[in-house]
Amino acid sequence: MSTLPKKPRSTTSDSPPNFTKKHLKIIQTSTENIRTSDSIDSLLEGTTKIEPVGLDFSAPTNMDYLSIRGNISFSELSTWRTCAFRHKLKYLDKINGGALDGPSEHTEFGHVIHTALEVFLETRIMPSYDDVKVGLSYAFSELPNVASLKEEEWHGVIEPILSEVPAFMNETFGEDWKYVASEYPLMEPIEGHNHLFKGFIDGVITATNKKGEEITHLIDWKTAGYFWPVSKKTDPNKTMQLVLYKHFYSQKTGIPLDKIRCAFVILRRSKKPGNCDYVPVSVGPKALSNALESVDSMLGHVKRKIFPKNRQNCRFCPYANTPHCP
C-alpha cells in the first residue's frame, strides 16, 4: 500500500504545528468524547491521562490516532478482528462506508426494542406496544430505503417478543430479581496502555442463586431473525463482547468475577411463541486472557501502523471493490 511521503518537521522550536481542519476536528471530537463520557472516575481522579504526544502534525495519514482518540469499544475491536484494513478506513481515516455501514431496518428495530426493555427493567412495566410501533415507524422514516420497507410485518412481531419478556425474566432469574441499571456506561483503563475501554451494558440486574448468594447479571439483548446455532453461541467474535464487559464491570465496581454472570438474550423476530433464548457466556481465565490479548494486539498493530487486508471477509465489507479498497 502506497503512502504519502513524510514532510520534514520544522527545526524551529517556536514554530507552531501545521494544524489542519482535520487535525482540529479530531482533537475537538476527542476532547468532547472525554468531557461527556460517564467514567470517568479514573480521569477525574487524575490516575489516567490521555495526552496527544509524539504526533506528526504535518501528515494526517501518519497521525497516531489512538493517542488522540483515547478510547476503544468492542465494536471497534470486532471490526479490527474482521479486517485490520477495514478498521483503518472506518476508524482512522473516517471514511463513510455508505448504506452498508449505516443504520438499517434491523438496527432500528433492535434500538426500539432495547428502549422498551430499558423501561421494563426499571419499572417492570412494558411500554404500550402501540407506542413502540410509533417509535419504529419514525425510525424507519429516516432510512433511505423507507419506501421498500414492509412496516406491518415489523410491527407484527413487536408484541410477540415483548409480551414474553416478563415471564422469561422471572423464570430465568427468579421473581426476586432487582434492577441495577440500563445502558450501564463503562470507560475503564486498559492495563498496560494509555487508553480506555468504552462500552454500554444493556441491562444489569441482581438475583439470588440457590445458595442464597447475590449474583450480578449482565444482559445483552440481541434481536435476530432466528435463534443462534451453537457455532454462533460459541463464536469468540460474539462472546468476547461480554467477556470484556464482565472484566471491566468487575474492575469498575469491585464486584468479584465469580459473583458476576453474563449472557445474551436472543429475541427472535417471530409471531410464533417462544421468542426468548438465554445464552450464557462463560468467562474463564483462558477466555479472559484471549480477550485482553486481542485488545493488546489491536492497540499494538495500530501504533505500529500495521493494517493487513483480510480478503476472506470482503463479501459484506462496504469498502470492498471501491477506490478505498480495490
Protein backbone atom coordinates (compact mmCIF):
# COMPACT_ATOMS: atom_id res chain seq x y z
CA MET A 1 0.00 0.00 0.00
CA SER A 2 1.49 3.34 -1.04
CA THR A 3 1.70 6.15 1.47
CA LEU A 4 2.30 9.86 1.13
CA PRO A 5 5.93 10.87 1.80
CA LYS A 6 6.51 12.48 5.15
CA LYS A 7 7.16 16.20 5.18
CA PRO A 8 10.20 17.20 7.23
CA ARG A 9 9.49 18.59 10.66
CA SER A 10 10.27 22.21 11.31
CA THR A 11 13.60 22.72 13.06
CA THR A 12 12.47 25.98 14.62
CA SER A 13 11.41 25.30 18.21
CA ASP A 14 8.92 28.16 18.38
CA SER A 15 7.26 27.33 15.06
CA PRO A 16 3.64 26.18 15.66
CA PRO A 17 2.45 22.77 14.40
CA ASN A 18 0.79 22.79 10.99
CA PHE A 19 -2.76 22.05 12.23
CA THR A 20 -5.28 21.35 9.50
CA LYS A 21 -9.06 21.37 9.85
CA LYS A 22 -8.91 17.57 10.08
CA HIS A 23 -6.45 17.73 12.99
CA LEU A 24 -8.58 20.27 14.84
CA LYS A 25 -11.74 18.23 14.28
CA ILE A 26 -10.10 15.08 15.66
CA ILE A 27 -8.83 16.93 18.72
CA GLN A 28 -12.20 18.61 19.27
CA THR A 29 -14.04 15.28 18.99
CA SER A 30 -11.58 13.59 21.35
CA THR A 31 -11.94 16.33 23.93
CA GLU A 32 -15.72 16.23 23.69
CA ASN A 33 -15.79 12.42 24.00
CA ILE A 34 -13.80 12.58 27.21
CA ARG A 35 -15.79 15.51 28.61
CA THR A 36 -19.17 13.83 28.03
CA SER A 37 -18.20 10.25 28.88
CA ASP A 38 -19.58 8.75 32.03
CA SER A 39 -16.50 7.24 33.88
CA ILE A 40 -14.60 8.64 34.49
CA ASP A 41 -13.67 8.04 37.89
CA SER A 42 -10.09 7.43 36.80
CA LEU A 43 -9.95 10.56 34.67
CA LEU A 44 -11.45 12.75 37.37
CA GLU A 45 -9.05 11.38 39.95
CA GLY A 46 -6.14 12.01 37.61
CA THR A 47 -5.00 8.39 37.61
CA THR A 48 -5.43 8.13 33.84
CA LYS A 49 -4.12 10.76 31.46
CA ILE A 50 -4.62 10.93 27.72
CA GLU A 51 -2.05 13.13 26.04
CA PRO A 52 -1.61 13.76 22.30
CA VAL A 53 2.15 13.20 22.31
CA GLY A 54 4.55 12.16 19.58
CA LEU A 55 2.26 13.11 16.69
CA ASP A 56 3.31 14.13 13.21
CA PHE A 57 1.01 17.08 12.60
CA SER A 58 2.42 17.64 9.12
CA ALA A 59 0.96 14.46 7.63
CA PRO A 60 -2.58 13.38 8.58
CA THR A 61 -2.04 9.87 7.20
CA ASN A 62 0.76 9.36 9.72
CA MET A 63 -1.09 10.55 12.80
CA ASP A 64 -1.06 8.40 15.91
CA TYR A 65 -4.83 8.07 16.03
CA LEU A 66 -5.04 6.24 19.35
CA SER A 67 -3.14 8.96 21.18
CA ILE A 68 -5.80 11.44 20.05
CA ARG A 69 -8.95 9.35 20.42
CA GLY A 70 -8.17 7.82 23.76
CA ASN A 71 -10.73 5.01 23.92
CA ILE A 72 -11.82 1.89 22.06
CA SER A 73 -15.06 -0.09 22.04
CA PHE A 74 -15.89 -3.71 21.38
CA SER A 75 -17.43 -2.71 18.03
CA GLU A 76 -14.09 -1.25 17.02
CA LEU A 77 -12.21 -4.32 18.24
CA SER A 78 -14.62 -6.58 16.34
CA THR A 79 -14.06 -4.60 13.14
CA TRP A 80 -10.30 -4.89 13.59
CA ARG A 81 -10.55 -8.65 14.15
CA THR A 82 -12.59 -8.92 10.94
CA CYS A 83 -10.12 -6.90 8.88
CA ALA A 84 -7.44 -4.51 10.09
CA PHE A 85 -7.60 -2.52 6.86
CA ARG A 86 -11.36 -2.06 7.17
CA HIS A 87 -10.75 -0.84 10.72
CA LYS A 88 -8.24 1.69 9.39
CA LEU A 89 -10.67 3.03 6.78
CA LYS A 90 -13.57 3.32 9.23
CA TYR A 91 -11.97 4.43 12.47
CA LEU A 92 -8.69 6.07 11.43
CA ASP A 93 -9.44 7.57 8.04
CA LYS A 94 -13.08 8.25 8.97
CA ILE A 95 -14.31 7.14 5.54
CA ASN A 96 -18.07 6.71 5.35
CA GLY A 97 -18.96 3.16 4.38
CA GLY A 98 -22.30 4.23 2.93
CA ALA A 99 -25.57 2.34 3.28
CA LEU A 100 -23.85 -0.97 4.07
CA ASP A 101 -22.20 0.56 7.13
CA GLY A 102 -25.06 2.72 8.40
CA PRO A 103 -28.46 2.30 10.09
CA SER A 104 -30.84 -0.29 8.65
CA GLU A 105 -34.28 -1.63 9.43
CA HIS A 106 -32.61 -4.32 11.55
CA THR A 107 -30.57 -1.92 13.67
CA GLU A 108 -33.53 0.46 14.10
CA PHE A 109 -35.83 -2.39 15.15
CA GLY A 110 -33.25 -3.51 17.67
CA HIS A 111 -32.96 0.03 19.01
CA VAL A 112 -36.69 0.48 19.70
CA ILE A 113 -36.87 -2.95 21.36
CA HIS A 114 -33.87 -2.06 23.53
CA THR A 115 -35.55 1.21 24.52
CA ALA A 116 -38.74 -0.61 25.55
CA LEU A 117 -36.73 -3.10 27.60
CA GLU A 118 -34.88 -0.31 29.39
CA VAL A 119 -38.24 0.92 30.65
CA PHE A 120 -39.35 -2.58 31.61
CA LEU A 121 -36.19 -3.41 33.58
CA GLU A 122 -36.50 -0.25 35.65
CA THR A 123 -40.29 -0.29 36.20
CA ARG A 124 -41.35 -3.89 35.43
CA ILE A 125 -43.99 -2.30 33.23
CA MET A 126 -43.76 -2.88 29.50
CA PRO A 127 -44.43 0.21 27.36
CA SER A 128 -47.50 0.26 25.15
CA TYR A 129 -46.99 -1.81 22.03
CA ASP A 130 -48.61 0.97 20.01
CA ASP A 131 -46.06 3.45 21.36
CA VAL A 132 -43.25 1.11 20.35
CA LYS A 133 -44.75 0.83 16.86
CA VAL A 134 -44.89 4.62 16.57
CA GLY A 135 -41.23 4.80 17.55
CA LEU A 136 -40.32 2.20 14.95
CA SER A 137 -42.26 3.99 12.22
CA TYR A 138 -40.43 7.20 13.00
CA ALA A 139 -37.06 5.43 12.91
CA PHE A 140 -37.93 3.80 9.60
CA SER A 141 -38.94 7.18 8.13
CA GLU A 142 -35.33 8.32 8.47
CA LEU A 143 -33.93 5.41 6.43
CA PRO A 144 -33.09 5.84 2.73
CA ASN A 145 -34.98 2.64 1.82
CA VAL A 146 -38.16 3.57 3.71
CA ALA A 147 -40.34 3.15 0.61
CA SER A 148 -39.45 -0.54 0.31
CA LEU A 149 -39.94 -1.45 3.98
CA LYS A 150 -42.95 -3.53 5.00
CA GLU A 151 -43.76 -1.84 8.29
CA GLU A 152 -46.75 -4.03 9.09
CA GLU A 153 -44.56 -7.13 9.16
CA TRP A 154 -42.13 -5.47 11.56
CA HIS A 155 -44.96 -4.12 13.69
CA GLY A 156 -46.44 -7.61 13.84
CA VAL A 157 -43.53 -9.11 15.79
CA ILE A 158 -43.24 -6.40 18.46
CA GLU A 159 -45.97 -7.73 20.75
CA PRO A 160 -44.99 -11.43 20.42
CA ILE A 161 -41.46 -10.53 21.57
CA LEU A 162 -42.15 -8.02 24.33
CA SER A 163 -45.12 -9.87 25.81
CA GLU A 164 -42.90 -12.86 26.65
CA VAL A 165 -40.09 -10.96 28.35
CA PRO A 166 -41.65 -10.54 31.86
CA ALA A 167 -42.30 -14.26 32.31
CA PHE A 168 -38.93 -15.10 30.76
CA MET A 169 -37.13 -12.87 33.25
CA ASN A 170 -38.92 -14.43 36.23
CA GLU A 171 -38.31 -17.97 35.00
CA THR A 172 -34.63 -17.32 34.25
CA PHE A 173 -33.60 -15.20 37.23
CA GLY A 174 -36.36 -15.79 39.77
CA GLU A 175 -39.10 -13.39 40.74
CA ASP A 176 -36.81 -11.63 43.23
CA TRP A 177 -34.51 -10.15 40.56
CA LYS A 178 -33.72 -6.49 41.11
CA TYR A 179 -32.94 -3.70 38.67
CA VAL A 180 -29.50 -2.09 38.84
CA ALA A 181 -29.05 -0.22 35.56
CA SER A 182 -29.79 0.03 31.86
CA GLU A 183 -27.18 1.15 29.35
CA TYR A 184 -24.61 1.00 32.14
CA PRO A 185 -21.55 3.01 30.97
CA LEU A 186 -18.00 1.69 31.02
CA MET A 187 -14.96 3.88 30.41
CA GLU A 188 -12.18 1.97 32.11
CA PRO A 189 -8.37 1.97 31.92
CA ILE A 190 -6.78 -0.79 29.85
CA GLU A 191 -3.83 -2.24 31.72
CA GLY A 192 -0.54 -1.53 30.03
CA HIS A 193 -1.96 1.18 27.77
CA ASN A 194 -2.81 4.85 28.00
CA HIS A 195 -6.30 4.20 26.65
CA LEU A 196 -9.77 3.40 27.93
CA PHE A 197 -12.28 0.69 27.11
CA LYS A 198 -15.69 2.19 26.36
CA GLY A 199 -18.96 0.27 26.37
CA PHE A 200 -22.58 0.24 27.45
CA ILE A 201 -24.15 -2.81 29.12
CA ASP A 202 -27.78 -3.21 28.03
CA GLY A 203 -29.05 -4.40 31.40
CA VAL A 204 -27.66 -5.05 34.87
CA ILE A 205 -29.72 -6.86 37.50
CA THR A 206 -29.10 -8.81 40.68
CA ALA A 207 -30.71 -12.08 41.75
CA THR A 208 -30.23 -14.67 44.47
CA ASN A 209 -28.85 -18.08 43.47
CA LYS A 210 -29.71 -21.44 45.01
CA LYS A 211 -27.03 -20.94 47.67
CA GLY A 212 -28.62 -17.69 48.77
CA GLU A 213 -25.79 -15.61 47.28
CA GLU A 214 -26.45 -12.36 45.45
CA ILE A 215 -25.29 -12.60 41.85
CA THR A 216 -24.98 -9.71 39.41
CA HIS A 217 -26.20 -10.48 35.90
CA LEU A 218 -25.07 -8.56 32.81
CA ILE A 219 -27.58 -8.84 29.97
CA ASP A 220 -27.08 -8.05 26.31
CA TRP A 221 -30.27 -8.09 24.22
CA LYS A 222 -29.92 -9.29 20.63
CA THR A 223 -32.82 -9.20 18.16
CA ALA A 224 -32.48 -11.75 15.38
CA GLY A 225 -34.50 -13.46 12.69
CA TYR A 226 -33.67 -16.86 14.20
CA PHE A 227 -32.15 -18.35 17.34
CA TRP A 228 -28.39 -18.62 17.25
CA PRO A 229 -26.87 -22.00 16.34
CA VAL A 230 -24.19 -23.46 18.60
CA SER A 231 -21.45 -22.16 16.30
CA LYS A 232 -22.62 -18.58 16.82
CA LYS A 233 -23.16 -19.01 20.56
CA THR A 234 -19.51 -20.03 20.93
CA ASP A 235 -18.01 -17.66 18.34
CA PRO A 236 -15.30 -15.56 20.06
CA ASN A 237 -16.25 -12.60 17.87
CA LYS A 238 -19.61 -12.66 19.69
CA THR A 239 -18.75 -13.87 23.18
CA MET A 240 -15.71 -11.61 23.57
CA GLN A 241 -18.05 -8.64 24.00
CA LEU A 242 -19.45 -9.99 27.26
CA VAL A 243 -16.06 -11.31 28.40
CA LEU A 244 -14.73 -7.75 28.23
CA TYR A 245 -17.88 -6.24 29.74
CA LYS A 246 -17.64 -8.59 32.70
CA HIS A 247 -13.94 -7.86 33.20
CA PHE A 248 -14.30 -4.09 33.09
CA TYR A 249 -17.53 -4.08 35.11
CA SER A 250 -15.72 -6.01 37.83
CA GLN A 251 -12.78 -3.62 37.56
CA LYS A 252 -15.06 -0.59 37.93
CA THR A 253 -17.37 -1.84 40.69
CA GLY A 254 -15.04 -4.09 42.66
CA ILE A 255 -17.51 -6.98 42.43
CA PRO A 256 -15.54 -10.26 42.13
CA LEU A 257 -15.72 -12.04 38.79
CA ASP A 258 -17.19 -15.15 40.43
CA LYS A 259 -20.17 -13.07 41.60
CA ILE A 260 -20.96 -11.88 38.07
CA ARG A 261 -22.75 -13.76 35.31
CA CYS A 262 -23.25 -12.57 31.75
CA ALA A 263 -25.46 -13.69 28.91
CA PHE A 264 -27.02 -12.76 25.61
CA VAL A 265 -30.79 -12.87 25.43
CA ILE A 266 -31.79 -13.61 21.86
CA LEU A 267 -35.15 -12.10 20.91
CA ARG A 268 -36.46 -13.83 17.80
CA ARG A 269 -38.48 -11.76 15.34
CA SER A 270 -41.41 -14.14 15.02
CA LYS A 271 -45.15 -14.19 15.59
CA LYS A 272 -44.82 -17.72 16.97
CA PRO A 273 -44.50 -18.31 20.74
CA GLY A 274 -41.15 -18.94 22.41
CA ASN A 275 -39.11 -15.97 21.21
CA CYS A 276 -36.63 -15.57 24.10
CA ASP A 277 -33.45 -17.63 24.35
CA TYR A 278 -30.93 -17.32 27.19
CA VAL A 279 -27.33 -17.74 26.00
CA PRO A 280 -24.88 -17.69 28.95
CA VAL A 281 -21.26 -16.79 28.26
CA SER A 282 -18.59 -18.48 30.34
CA VAL A 283 -15.70 -16.22 31.33
CA GLY A 284 -12.86 -18.46 32.43
CA PRO A 285 -9.18 -17.50 32.70
CA LYS A 286 -8.47 -18.59 29.11
CA ALA A 287 -11.37 -16.63 27.60
CA LEU A 288 -10.41 -13.53 29.56
CA SER A 289 -6.74 -13.87 28.64
CA ASN A 290 -7.61 -14.22 24.94
CA ALA A 291 -9.89 -11.17 25.04
CA LEU A 292 -7.31 -8.94 26.72
CA GLU A 293 -4.59 -10.20 24.37
CA SER A 294 -6.82 -9.26 21.44
CA VAL A 295 -7.20 -5.72 22.81
CA ASP A 296 -3.45 -5.50 23.35
CA SER A 297 -2.74 -6.79 19.85
CA MET A 298 -5.11 -4.30 18.23
CA LEU A 299 -3.55 -1.36 20.04
CA GLY A 300 -0.08 -2.60 19.16
CA HIS A 301 -0.85 -3.01 15.46
CA VAL A 302 -2.43 0.44 15.22
CA LYS A 303 0.53 2.07 16.97
CA ARG A 304 2.90 0.37 14.52
CA LYS A 305 0.60 1.24 11.58
CA ILE A 306 0.17 -2.38 10.50
CA PHE A 307 -3.10 -2.78 8.58
CA PRO A 308 -3.22 -6.08 6.63
CA LYS A 309 -6.24 -6.83 4.46
CA ASN A 310 -8.28 -9.94 5.22
CA ARG A 311 -9.51 -10.99 1.79
CA GLN A 312 -11.68 -13.71 3.30
CA ASN A 313 -14.03 -11.10 4.78
CA CYS A 314 -14.69 -8.93 1.73
CA ARG A 315 -18.19 -10.19 0.97
CA PHE A 316 -20.11 -7.86 3.28
CA CYS A 317 -17.50 -5.12 3.55
CA PRO A 318 -18.77 -1.68 2.46
CA TYR A 319 -15.30 -0.74 1.21
CA ALA A 320 -14.66 -3.82 -0.95
CA ASN A 321 -14.19 -3.09 -4.66
CA THR A 322 -14.24 0.66 -4.12
CA PRO A 323 -11.44 3.18 -4.71
CA HIS A 324 -10.65 2.86 -1.00
CA CYS A 325 -10.00 -0.88 -1.28
CA PRO A 326 -9.92 -2.06 -4.91
